[in-house]
Amino acid sequence: MVADLSAVADPNTGFAVYDTYGLGRHNGWIVVGGTSLSAPLIAGMIGLAGNASAMDSGRYIYSHRSGLADVVRGNNGYCGRDYLCNAKVGYDGPTGLGTPRGTSSL
């Protein structure tokens, strides 16, 4: 289990970004999601919160849960029917504690 937070997991419904590098047919405007989008998105939100020094572990997030929206539906499609693979109320494997509703939890 590695997820503490989640953000924009589906690469088919993510954000539009402009690719200036041009990797084959994937140049110009492309839609990205998953870790390629969520990691820099959360990092940027931590920067906006101005609280990076408190983020040396997940402890801060766990003590500031009120700023997170709990993801209670969906799955990662890779394993059984327990909390390791399926979203549920509270902590779960695919979405951690949830997704930020702004920067208050960061």
PDB file of N, CA and C in Angstrom:
ATOM      1  N   MET A   1       0.850  -1.172   0.000  1.00  0.00           N
ATOM      2  CA  MET A   1       0.000   0.000   0.000  1.00  0.00           C
ATOM      3  C   MET A   1       0.897   1.236   0.000  1.00  0.00           C
ATOM      4  N   VAL A   2       0.642   2.119  -0.923  1.00  0.00           N
ATOM      5  CA  VAL A   2       1.472   3.310  -1.026  1.00  0.00           C
ATOM      6  C   VAL A   2       0.685   4.605  -1.099  1.00  0.00           C
ATOM      7  N   ALA A   3      -0.607   4.552  -1.384  1.00  0.00           N
ATOM      8  CA  ALA A   3      -1.362   5.790  -1.603  1.00  0.00           C
ATOM      9  C   ALA A   3      -1.721   6.471  -0.290  1.00  0.00           C
ATOM     10  N   ASP A   4      -1.336   7.730  -0.154  1.00  0.00           N
ATOM     11  CA  ASP A   4      -1.824   8.573   0.936  1.00  0.00           C
ATOM     12  C   ASP A   4      -2.906   9.498   0.415  1.00  0.00           C
ATOM     13  N   LEU A   5      -2.766   9.946  -0.833  1.00  0.00           N
ATOM     14  CA  LEU A   5      -3.717  10.842  -1.488  1.00  0.00           C
ATOM     15  C   LEU A   5      -3.983  10.332  -2.896  1.00  0.00           C
ATOM     16  N   SER A   6      -5.022  10.835  -3.502  1.00  0.00           N
ATOM     17  CA  SER A   6      -5.297  10.503  -4.898  1.00  0.00           C
ATOM     18  C   SER A   6      -5.669  11.768  -5.655  1.00  0.00           C
ATOM     19  N   ALA A   7      -5.465  11.703  -6.965  1.00  0.00           N
ATOM     20  CA  ALA A   7      -5.842  12.829  -7.824  1.00  0.00           C
ATOM     21  C   ALA A   7      -5.815  12.387  -9.278  1.00  0.00           C
ATOM     22  N   VAL A   8      -6.867  12.615 -10.002  1.00  0.00           N
ATOM     23  CA  VAL A   8      -6.949  12.445 -11.448  1.00  0.00           C
ATOM     24  C   VAL A   8      -6.313  11.125 -11.920  1.00  0.00           C
ATOM     25  N   ALA A   9      -6.877  10.012 -11.499  1.00  0.00           N
ATOM     26  CA  ALA A   9      -6.273   8.720 -11.790  1.00  0.00           C
ATOM     27  C   ALA A   9      -6.519   8.215 -13.199  1.00  0.00           C
ATOM     28  N   ASP A  10      -7.610   8.575 -13.812  1.00  0.00           N
ATOM     29  CA  ASP A  10      -7.957   8.018 -15.118  1.00  0.00           C
ATOM     30  C   ASP A  10      -7.284   8.814 -16.236  1.00  0.00           C
ATOM     31  N   PRO A  11      -6.351   8.211 -16.968  1.00  0.00           N
ATOM     32  CA  PRO A  11      -5.674   8.945 -18.027  1.00  0.00           C
ATOM     33  C   PRO A  11      -6.589   9.312 -19.194  1.00  0.00           C
ATOM     34  N   ASN A  12      -7.764   8.712 -19.264  1.00  0.00           N
ATOM     35  CA  ASN A  12      -8.700   9.031 -20.346  1.00  0.00           C
ATOM     36  C   ASN A  12      -9.568  10.244 -20.031  1.00  0.00           C
ATOM     37  N   THR A  13      -9.627  10.645 -18.772  1.00  0.00           N
ATOM     38  CA  THR A  13     -10.447  11.795 -18.387  1.00  0.00           C
ATOM     39  C   THR A  13      -9.630  12.809 -17.584  1.00  0.00           C
ATOM     40  N   GLY A  14      -8.337  12.835 -17.813  1.00  0.00           N
ATOM     41  CA  GLY A  14      -7.440  13.711 -17.062  1.00  0.00           C
ATOM     42  C   GLY A  14      -7.452  15.138 -17.557  1.00  0.00           C
ATOM     43  N   PHE A  15      -6.300  15.763 -17.595  1.00  0.00           N
ATOM     44  CA  PHE A  15      -6.144  17.150 -18.010  1.00  0.00           C
ATOM     45  C   PHE A  15      -5.543  17.205 -19.408  1.00  0.00           C
ATOM     46  N   ALA A  16      -5.891  18.237 -20.138  1.00  0.00           N
ATOM     47  CA  ALA A  16      -5.266  18.485 -21.425  1.00  0.00           C
ATOM     48  C   ALA A  16      -3.966  19.249 -21.188  1.00  0.00           C
ATOM     49  N   VAL A  17      -2.896  18.760 -21.760  1.00  0.00           N
ATOM     50  CA  VAL A  17      -1.598  19.438 -21.689  1.00  0.00           C
ATOM     51  C   VAL A  17      -1.038  19.526 -23.100  1.00  0.00           C
ATOM     52  N   TYR A  18      -0.220  20.512 -23.333  1.00  0.00           N
ATOM     53  CA  TYR A  18       0.385  20.674 -24.650  1.00  0.00           C
ATOM     54  C   TYR A  18       1.785  20.093 -24.619  1.00  0.00           C
ATOM     55  N   ASP A  19       2.028  19.100 -25.461  1.00  0.00           N
ATOM     56  CA  ASP A  19       3.321  18.427 -25.534  1.00  0.00           C
ATOM     57  C   ASP A  19       4.175  19.112 -26.595  1.00  0.00           C
ATOM     58  N   THR A  20       5.199  19.822 -26.170  1.00  0.00           N
ATOM     59  CA  THR A  20       6.086  20.502 -27.113  1.00  0.00           C
ATOM     60  C   THR A  20       7.222  19.603 -27.575  1.00  0.00           C
ATOM     61  N   TYR A  21       7.406  18.479 -26.908  1.00  0.00           N
ATOM     62  CA  TYR A  21       8.484  17.564 -27.275  1.00  0.00           C
ATOM     63  C   TYR A  21       8.128  16.752 -28.506  1.00  0.00           C
ATOM     64  N   GLY A  22       6.877  16.314 -28.613  1.00  0.00           N
ATOM     65  CA  GLY A  22       6.410  15.588 -29.784  1.00  0.00           C
ATOM     66  C   GLY A  22       6.873  14.154 -29.852  1.00  0.00           C
ATOM     67  N   LEU A  23       6.346  13.313 -29.009  1.00  0.00           N
ATOM     68  CA  LEU A  23       6.697  11.895 -29.026  1.00  0.00           C
ATOM     69  C   LEU A  23       5.834  11.157 -30.041  1.00  0.00           C
ATOM     70  N   GLY A  24       6.343  10.992 -31.237  1.00  0.00           N
ATOM     71  CA  GLY A  24       5.612  10.292 -32.287  1.00  0.00           C
ATOM     72  C   GLY A  24       4.310  10.983 -32.616  1.00  0.00           C
ATOM     73  N   ARG A  25       3.239  10.211 -32.660  1.00  0.00           N
ATOM     74  CA  ARG A  25       1.933  10.787 -32.982  1.00  0.00           C
ATOM     75  C   ARG A  25       1.337  11.545 -31.804  1.00  0.00           C
ATOM     76  N   HIS A  26       1.956  11.441 -30.634  1.00  0.00           N
ATOM     77  CA  HIS A  26       1.451  12.106 -29.427  1.00  0.00           C
ATOM     78  C   HIS A  26       2.114  13.474 -29.255  1.00  0.00           C
ATOM     79  N   ASN A  27       1.881  14.352 -30.196  1.00  0.00           N
ATOM     80  CA  ASN A  27       2.387  15.709 -30.029  1.00  0.00           C
ATOM     81  C   ASN A  27       1.212  16.676 -30.059  1.00  0.00           C
ATOM     82  N   GLY A  28       1.462  17.903 -29.653  1.00  0.00           N
ATOM     83  CA  GLY A  28       0.381  18.871 -29.531  1.00  0.00           C
ATOM     84  C   GLY A  28      -0.411  18.610 -28.260  1.00  0.00           C
ATOM     85  N   TRP A  29      -1.710  18.821 -28.329  1.00  0.00           N
ATOM     86  CA  TRP A  29      -2.565  18.645 -27.157  1.00  0.00           C
ATOM     87  C   TRP A  29      -2.835  17.162 -26.908  1.00  0.00           C
ATOM     88  N   ILE A  30      -2.572  16.728 -25.673  1.00  0.00           N
ATOM     89  CA  ILE A  30      -2.830  15.346 -25.280  1.00  0.00           C
ATOM     90  C   ILE A  30      -3.528  15.353 -23.923  1.00  0.00           C
ATOM     91  N   VAL A  31      -4.200  14.276 -23.595  1.00  0.00           N
ATOM     92  CA  VAL A  31      -4.852  14.133 -22.290  1.00  0.00           C
ATOM     93  C   VAL A  31      -3.992  13.215 -21.448  1.00  0.00           C
ATOM     94  N   VAL A  32      -3.657  13.657 -20.236  1.00  0.00           N
ATOM     95  CA  VAL A  32      -2.842  12.846 -19.327  1.00  0.00           C
ATOM     96  C   VAL A  32      -3.576  12.685 -18.001  1.00  0.00           C
ATOM     97  N   GLY A  33      -3.245  11.635 -17.305  1.00  0.00           N
ATOM     98  CA  GLY A  33      -3.824  11.360 -15.993  1.00  0.00           C
ATOM     99  C   GLY A  33      -2.926  10.386 -15.266  1.00  0.00           C
ATOM    100  N   GLY A  34      -3.414   9.813 -14.213  1.00  0.00           N
ATOM    101  CA  GLY A  34      -2.626   8.864 -13.431  1.00  0.00           C
ATOM    102  C   GLY A  34      -1.471   9.554 -12.731  1.00  0.00           C
ATOM    103  N   THR A  35      -0.431   8.797 -12.456  1.00  0.00           N
ATOM    104  CA  THR A  35       0.722   9.316 -11.729  1.00  0.00           C
ATOM    105  C   THR A  35       1.402  10.449 -12.484  1.00  0.00           C
ATOM    106  N   SER A  36       1.414  10.380 -13.814  1.00  0.00           N
ATOM    107  CA  SER A  36       2.068  11.423 -14.619  1.00  0.00           C
ATOM    108  C   SER A  36       1.449  12.789 -14.397  1.00  0.00           C
ATOM    109  N   LEU A  37       0.188  12.823 -14.043  1.00  0.00           N
ATOM    110  CA  LEU A  37      -0.477  14.093 -13.753  1.00  0.00           C
ATOM    111  C   LEU A  37      -0.609  14.329 -12.257  1.00  0.00           C
ATOM    112  N   SER A  38      -1.014  13.298 -11.512  1.00  0.00           N
ATOM    113  CA  SER A  38      -1.334  13.525 -10.102  1.00  0.00           C
ATOM    114  C   SER A  38      -0.116  13.874  -9.256  1.00  0.00           C
ATOM    115  N   ALA A  39       1.040  13.288  -9.535  1.00  0.00           N
ATOM    116  CA  ALA A  39       2.229  13.606  -8.734  1.00  0.00           C
ATOM    117  C   ALA A  39       2.620  15.082  -8.854  1.00  0.00           C
ATOM    118  N   PRO A  40       2.771  15.641 -10.074  1.00  0.00           N
ATOM    119  CA  PRO A  40       3.091  17.069 -10.134  1.00  0.00           C
ATOM    120  C   PRO A  40       1.944  17.965  -9.673  1.00  0.00           C
ATOM    121  N   LEU A  41       0.703  17.519  -9.849  1.00  0.00           N
ATOM    122  CA  LEU A  41      -0.440  18.305  -9.385  1.00  0.00           C
ATOM    123  C   LEU A  41      -0.418  18.428  -7.859  1.00  0.00           C
ATOM    124  N   ILE A  42      -0.239  17.308  -7.162  1.00  0.00           N
ATOM    125  CA  ILE A  42      -0.176  17.340  -5.693  1.00  0.00           C
ATOM    126  C   ILE A  42       1.061  18.113  -5.231  1.00  0.00           C
ATOM    127  N   ALA A  43       2.186  17.933  -5.904  1.00  0.00           N
ATOM    128  CA  ALA A  43       3.398  18.688  -5.543  1.00  0.00           C
ATOM    129  C   ALA A  43       3.164  20.186  -5.670  1.00  0.00           C
ATOM    130  N   GLY A  44       2.496  20.587  -6.740  1.00  0.00           N
ATOM    131  CA  GLY A  44       2.175  22.002  -6.917  1.00  0.00           C
ATOM    132  C   GLY A  44       1.248  22.524  -5.835  1.00  0.00           C
ATOM    133  N   MET A  45       0.278  21.695  -5.435  1.00  0.00           N
ATOM    134  CA  MET A  45      -0.642  22.096  -4.367  1.00  0.00           C
ATOM    135  C   MET A  45       0.089  22.229  -3.034  1.00  0.00           C
ATOM    136  N   ILE A  46       1.043  21.334  -2.777  1.00  0.00           N
ATOM    137  CA  ILE A  46       1.854  21.452  -1.554  1.00  0.00           C
ATOM    138  C   ILE A  46       2.644  22.754  -1.595  1.00  0.00           C
ATOM    139  N   GLY A  47       3.188  23.091  -2.764  1.00  0.00           N
ATOM    140  CA  GLY A  47       3.898  24.360  -2.910  1.00  0.00           C
ATOM    141  C   GLY A  47       2.996  25.556  -2.659  1.00  0.00           C
ATOM    142  N   LEU A  48       1.772  25.512  -3.193  1.00  0.00           N
ATOM    143  CA  LEU A  48       0.819  26.594  -2.966  1.00  0.00           C
ATOM    144  C   LEU A  48       0.436  26.724  -1.491  1.00  0.00           C
ATOM    145  N   ALA A  49       0.362  25.590  -0.803  1.00  0.00           N
ATOM    146  CA  ALA A  49       0.006  25.611   0.615  1.00  0.00           C
ATOM    147  C   ALA A  49       1.118  26.237   1.452  1.00  0.00           C
ATOM    148  N   GLY A  50       2.337  26.274   0.908  1.00  0.00           N
ATOM    149  CA  GLY A  50       3.458  26.867   1.642  1.00  0.00           C
ATOM    150  C   GLY A  50       3.866  26.071   2.864  1.00  0.00           C
ATOM    151  N   ASN A  51       3.652  24.770   2.790  1.00  0.00           N
ATOM    152  CA  ASN A  51       3.857  23.935   3.965  1.00  0.00           C
ATOM    153  C   ASN A  51       4.779  22.755   3.680  1.00  0.00           C
ATOM    154  N   ALA A  52       5.645  22.870   2.698  1.00  0.00           N
ATOM    155  CA  ALA A  52       6.476  21.742   2.270  1.00  0.00           C
ATOM    156  C   ALA A  52       7.341  21.183   3.397  1.00  0.00           C
ATOM    157  N   SER A  53       7.804  22.018   4.310  1.00  0.00           N
ATOM    158  CA  SER A  53       8.671  21.520   5.383  1.00  0.00           C
ATOM    159  C   SER A  53       7.942  20.574   6.330  1.00  0.00           C
ATOM    160  N   ALA A  54       6.615  20.661   6.385  1.00  0.00           N
ATOM    161  CA  ALA A  54       5.840  19.762   7.244  1.00  0.00           C
ATOM    162  C   ALA A  54       5.508  18.450   6.541  1.00  0.00           C
ATOM    163  N   MET A  55       5.869  18.329   5.268  1.00  0.00           N
ATOM    164  CA  MET A  55       5.469  17.174   4.475  1.00  0.00           C
ATOM    165  C   MET A  55       6.580  16.141   4.323  1.00  0.00           C
ATOM    166  N   ASP A  56       7.478  16.043   5.283  1.00  0.00           N
ATOM    167  CA  ASP A  56       8.559  15.067   5.169  1.00  0.00           C
ATOM    168  C   ASP A  56       8.077  13.634   5.405  1.00  0.00           C
ATOM    169  N   SER A  57       6.840  13.485   5.855  1.00  0.00           N
ATOM    170  CA  SER A  57       6.204  12.170   5.976  1.00  0.00           C
ATOM    171  C   SER A  57       4.704  12.373   5.765  1.00  0.00           C
ATOM    172  N   GLY A  58       3.953  11.298   5.728  1.00  0.00           N
ATOM    173  CA  GLY A  58       2.514  11.403   5.557  1.00  0.00           C
ATOM    174  C   GLY A  58       1.775  11.841   6.806  1.00  0.00           C
ATOM    175  N   ARG A  59       2.474  11.992   7.905  1.00  0.00           N
ATOM    176  CA  ARG A  59       1.843  12.314   9.190  1.00  0.00           C
ATOM    177  C   ARG A  59       0.978  13.565   9.139  1.00  0.00           C
ATOM    178  N   TYR A  60       1.449  14.608   8.462  1.00  0.00           N
ATOM    179  CA  TYR A  60       0.705  15.864   8.402  1.00  0.00           C
ATOM    180  C   TYR A  60      -0.651  15.654   7.735  1.00  0.00           C
ATOM    181  N   ILE A  61      -0.664  14.941   6.628  1.00  0.00           N
ATOM    182  CA  ILE A  61      -1.907  14.691   5.897  1.00  0.00           C
ATOM    183  C   ILE A  61      -2.908  13.933   6.760  1.00  0.00           C
ATOM    184  N   TYR A  62      -2.422  12.932   7.479  1.00  0.00           N
ATOM    185  CA  TYR A  62      -3.312  12.113   8.305  1.00  0.00           C
ATOM    186  C   TYR A  62      -3.918  12.906   9.459  1.00  0.00           C
ATOM    187  N   SER A  63      -3.238  13.944   9.906  1.00  0.00           N
ATOM    188  CA  SER A  63      -3.783  14.759  10.989  1.00  0.00           C
ATOM    189  C   SER A  63      -4.581  15.968  10.485  1.00  0.00           C
ATOM    190  N   HIS A  64      -4.691  16.127   9.169  1.00  0.00           N
ATOM    191  CA  HIS A  64      -5.453  17.231   8.566  1.00  0.00           C
ATOM    192  C   HIS A  64      -6.415  16.704   7.501  1.00  0.00           C
ATOM    193  N   ARG A  65      -7.127  15.660   7.816  1.00  0.00           N
ATOM    194  CA  ARG A  65      -8.022  14.989   6.867  1.00  0.00           C
ATOM    195  C   ARG A  65      -9.228  15.818   6.440  1.00  0.00           C
ATOM    196  N   SER A  66      -9.601  16.807   7.198  1.00  0.00           N
ATOM    197  CA  SER A  66     -10.837  17.545   6.893  1.00  0.00           C
ATOM    198  C   SER A  66     -10.779  18.242   5.532  1.00  0.00           C
ATOM    199  N   GLY A  67      -9.605  18.473   5.003  1.00  0.00           N
ATOM    200  CA  GLY A  67      -9.468  19.112   3.710  1.00  0.00           C
ATOM    201  C   GLY A  67      -9.461  18.134   2.544  1.00  0.00           C
ATOM    202  N   LEU A  68      -9.790  16.859   2.815  1.00  0.00           N
ATOM    203  CA  LEU A  68      -9.798  15.844   1.771  1.00  0.00           C
ATOM    204  C   LEU A  68     -11.215  15.366   1.485  1.00  0.00           C
ATOM    205  N   ALA A  69     -11.475  15.049   0.240  1.00  0.00           N
ATOM    206  CA  ALA A  69     -12.743  14.428  -0.150  1.00  0.00           C
ATOM    207  C   ALA A  69     -12.495  12.928  -0.261  1.00  0.00           C
ATOM    208  N   ASP A  70     -13.167  12.156   0.563  1.00  0.00           N
ATOM    209  CA  ASP A  70     -13.006  10.706   0.559  1.00  0.00           C
ATOM    210  C   ASP A  70     -13.588  10.132  -0.725  1.00  0.00           C
ATOM    211  N   VAL A  71     -12.812   9.334  -1.429  1.00  0.00           N
ATOM    212  CA  VAL A  71     -13.284   8.655  -2.637  1.00  0.00           C
ATOM    213  C   VAL A  71     -13.861   7.316  -2.188  1.00  0.00           C
ATOM    214  N   VAL A  72     -15.143   7.090  -2.427  1.00  0.00           N
ATOM    215  CA  VAL A  72     -15.810   5.908  -1.874  1.00  0.00           C
ATOM    216  C   VAL A  72     -16.264   4.909  -2.938  1.00  0.00           C
ATOM    217  N   ARG A  73     -16.022   5.190  -4.207  1.00  0.00           N
ATOM    218  CA  ARG A  73     -16.409   4.267  -5.276  1.00  0.00           C
ATOM    219  C   ARG A  73     -15.266   4.091  -6.254  1.00  0.00           C
ATOM    220  N   GLY A  74     -15.206   2.922  -6.870  1.00  0.00           N
ATOM    221  CA  GLY A  74     -14.209   2.644  -7.889  1.00  0.00           C
ATOM    222  C   GLY A  74     -13.212   1.608  -7.419  1.00  0.00           C
ATOM    223  N   ASN A  75     -12.353   1.177  -8.331  1.00  0.00           N
ATOM    224  CA  ASN A  75     -11.318   0.199  -8.003  1.00  0.00           C
ATOM    225  C   ASN A  75     -10.157   0.369  -8.956  1.00  0.00           C
ATOM    226  N   ASN A  76      -9.052  -0.267  -8.609  1.00  0.00           N
ATOM    227  CA  ASN A  76      -7.894  -0.186  -9.490  1.00  0.00           C
ATOM    228  C   ASN A  76      -7.840  -1.349 -10.466  1.00  0.00           C
ATOM    229  N   GLY A  77      -8.768  -2.299 -10.337  1.00  0.00           N
ATOM    230  CA  GLY A  77      -8.907  -3.370 -11.297  1.00  0.00           C
ATOM    231  C   GLY A  77      -7.821  -4.423 -11.282  1.00  0.00           C
ATOM    232  N   TYR A  78      -6.960  -4.434 -10.298  1.00  0.00           N
ATOM    233  CA  TYR A  78      -5.824  -5.341 -10.330  1.00  0.00           C
ATOM    234  C   TYR A  78      -5.837  -6.468  -9.303  1.00  0.00           C
ATOM    235  N   CYS A  79      -6.740  -6.472  -8.360  1.00  0.00           N
ATOM    236  CA  CYS A  79      -6.717  -7.551  -7.382  1.00  0.00           C
ATOM    237  C   CYS A  79      -8.096  -7.793  -6.792  1.00  0.00           C
ATOM    238  N   GLY A  80      -8.185  -8.392  -5.624  1.00  0.00           N
ATOM    239  CA  GLY A  80      -9.434  -8.859  -5.026  1.00  0.00           C
ATOM    240  C   GLY A  80     -10.461  -7.802  -4.706  1.00  0.00           C
ATOM    241  N   ARG A  81     -11.366  -8.156  -3.812  1.00  0.00           N
ATOM    242  CA  ARG A  81     -12.498  -7.280  -3.483  1.00  0.00           C
ATOM    243  C   ARG A  81     -12.331  -6.541  -2.160  1.00  0.00           C
ATOM    244  N   ASP A  82     -11.152  -6.532  -1.599  1.00  0.00           N
ATOM    245  CA  ASP A  82     -10.952  -5.880  -0.308  1.00  0.00           C
ATOM    246  C   ASP A  82     -10.483  -4.442  -0.483  1.00  0.00           C
ATOM    247  N   TYR A  83     -10.124  -3.792   0.610  1.00  0.00           N
ATOM    248  CA  TYR A  83      -9.749  -2.382   0.576  1.00  0.00           C
ATOM    249  C   TYR A  83      -8.425  -2.124  -0.143  1.00  0.00           C
ATOM    250  N   LEU A  84      -7.677  -3.168  -0.452  1.00  0.00           N
ATOM    251  CA  LEU A  84      -6.439  -2.982  -1.198  1.00  0.00           C
ATOM    252  C   LEU A  84      -6.709  -2.573  -2.646  1.00  0.00           C
ATOM    253  N   CYS A  85      -7.876  -2.958  -3.159  1.00  0.00           N
ATOM    254  CA  CYS A  85      -8.195  -2.727  -4.571  1.00  0.00           C
ATOM    255  C   CYS A  85      -9.428  -1.875  -4.796  1.00  0.00           C
ATOM    256  N   ASN A  86     -10.238  -1.685  -3.793  1.00  0.00           N
ATOM    257  CA  ASN A  86     -11.524  -1.015  -3.967  1.00  0.00           C
ATOM    258  C   ASN A  86     -11.656   0.184  -3.047  1.00  0.00           C
ATOM    259  N   ALA A  87     -12.164   1.274  -3.603  1.00  0.00           N
ATOM    260  CA  ALA A  87     -12.423   2.451  -2.785  1.00  0.00           C
ATOM    261  C   ALA A  87     -13.537   2.140  -1.795  1.00  0.00           C
ATOM    262  N   LYS A  88     -13.424   2.708  -0.610  1.00  0.00           N
ATOM    263  CA  LYS A  88     -14.430   2.530   0.438  1.00  0.00           C
ATOM    264  C   LYS A  88     -14.386   3.760   1.339  1.00  0.00           C
ATOM    265  N   VAL A  89     -15.297   3.848   2.265  1.00  0.00           N
ATOM    266  CA  VAL A  89     -15.295   4.948   3.223  1.00  0.00           C
ATOM    267  C   VAL A  89     -14.030   4.834   4.069  1.00  0.00           C
ATOM    268  N   GLY A  90     -13.320   5.934   4.209  1.00  0.00           N
ATOM    269  CA  GLY A  90     -12.074   5.939   4.966  1.00  0.00           C
ATOM    270  C   GLY A  90     -10.898   5.563   4.079  1.00  0.00           C
ATOM    271  N   TYR A  91      -9.832   5.117   4.703  1.00  0.00           N
ATOM    272  CA  TYR A  91      -8.614   4.778   3.962  1.00  0.00           C
ATOM    273  C   TYR A  91      -8.812   3.533   3.107  1.00  0.00           C
ATOM    274  N   ASP A  92      -8.266   3.553   1.895  1.00  0.00           N
ATOM    275  CA  ASP A  92      -8.244   2.366   1.043  1.00  0.00           C
ATOM    276  C   ASP A  92      -7.010   2.434   0.142  1.00  0.00           C
ATOM    277  N   GLY A  93      -6.664   1.308  -0.432  1.00  0.00           N
ATOM    278  CA  GLY A  93      -5.458   1.200  -1.241  1.00  0.00           C
ATOM    279  C   GLY A  93      -5.408   2.092  -2.468  1.00  0.00           C
ATOM    280  N   PRO A  94      -6.436   2.082  -3.315  1.00  0.00           N
ATOM    281  CA  PRO A  94      -6.350   2.873  -4.544  1.00  0.00           C
ATOM    282  C   PRO A  94      -6.364   4.390  -4.338  1.00  0.00           C
ATOM    283  N   THR A  95      -7.064   4.883  -3.315  1.00  0.00           N
ATOM    284  CA  THR A  95      -7.220   6.334  -3.182  1.00  0.00           C
ATOM    285  C   THR A  95      -6.670   6.914  -1.894  1.00  0.00           C
ATOM    286  N   GLY A  96      -6.094   6.082  -1.034  1.00  0.00           N
ATOM    287  CA  GLY A  96      -5.557   6.582   0.230  1.00  0.00           C
ATOM    288  C   GLY A  96      -6.650   7.215   1.073  1.00  0.00           C
ATOM    289  N   LEU A  97      -6.395   8.404   1.572  1.00  0.00           N
ATOM    290  CA  LEU A  97      -7.382   9.135   2.379  1.00  0.00           C
ATOM    291  C   LEU A  97      -8.368   9.914   1.529  1.00  0.00           C
ATOM    292  N   GLY A  98      -8.083  10.074   0.239  1.00  0.00           N
ATOM    293  CA  GLY A  98      -8.972  10.813  -0.649  1.00  0.00           C
ATOM    294  C   GLY A  98      -8.207  11.803  -1.501  1.00  0.00           C
ATOM    295  N   THR A  99      -8.927  12.772  -2.019  1.00  0.00           N
ATOM    296  CA  THR A  99      -8.345  13.771  -2.907  1.00  0.00           C
ATOM    297  C   THR A  99      -8.501  15.168  -2.294  1.00  0.00           C
ATOM    298  N   PRO A 100      -7.514  16.022  -2.435  1.00  0.00           N
ATOM    299  CA  PRO A 100      -7.585  17.344  -1.817  1.00  0.00           C
ATOM    300  C   PRO A 100      -8.731  18.198  -2.356  1.00  0.00           C
ATOM    301  N   ARG A 101      -9.376  18.925  -1.422  1.00  0.00           N
ATOM    302  CA  ARG A 101     -10.381  19.944  -1.781  1.00  0.00           C
ATOM    303  C   ARG A 101      -9.739  21.300  -1.514  1.00  0.00           C
ATOM    304  N   GLY A 102      -8.711  21.601  -2.248  1.00  0.00           N
ATOM    305  CA  GLY A 102      -7.949  22.810  -1.982  1.00  0.00           C
ATOM    306  C   GLY A 102      -6.647  22.445  -1.268  1.00  0.00           C
ATOM    307  N   THR A 103      -6.081  23.380  -0.547  1.00  0.00           N
ATOM    308  CA  THR A 103      -4.765  23.160   0.056  1.00  0.00           C
ATOM    309  C   THR A 103      -4.776  23.000   1.570  1.00  0.00           C
ATOM    310  N   SER A 104      -5.933  22.987   2.203  1.00  0.00           N
ATOM    311  CA  SER A 104      -5.977  22.982   3.672  1.00  0.00           C
ATOM    312  C   SER A 104      -5.402  21.717   4.281  1.00  0.00           C
ATOM    313  N   SER A 105      -5.417  20.608   3.575  1.00  0.00           N
ATOM    314  CA  SER A 105      -4.863  19.374   4.135  1.00  0.00           C
ATOM    315  C   SER A 105      -3.387  19.205   3.795  1.00  0.00           C
ATOM    316  N   LEU A 106      -2.854  20.154   3.069  1.00  0.00           N
ATOM    317  CA  LEU A 106      -1.472  20.065   2.637  1.00  0.00           C
ATOM    318  C   LEU A 106      -0.630  21.138   3.296  1.00  0.00           C
TER     319      LEU A 106
END
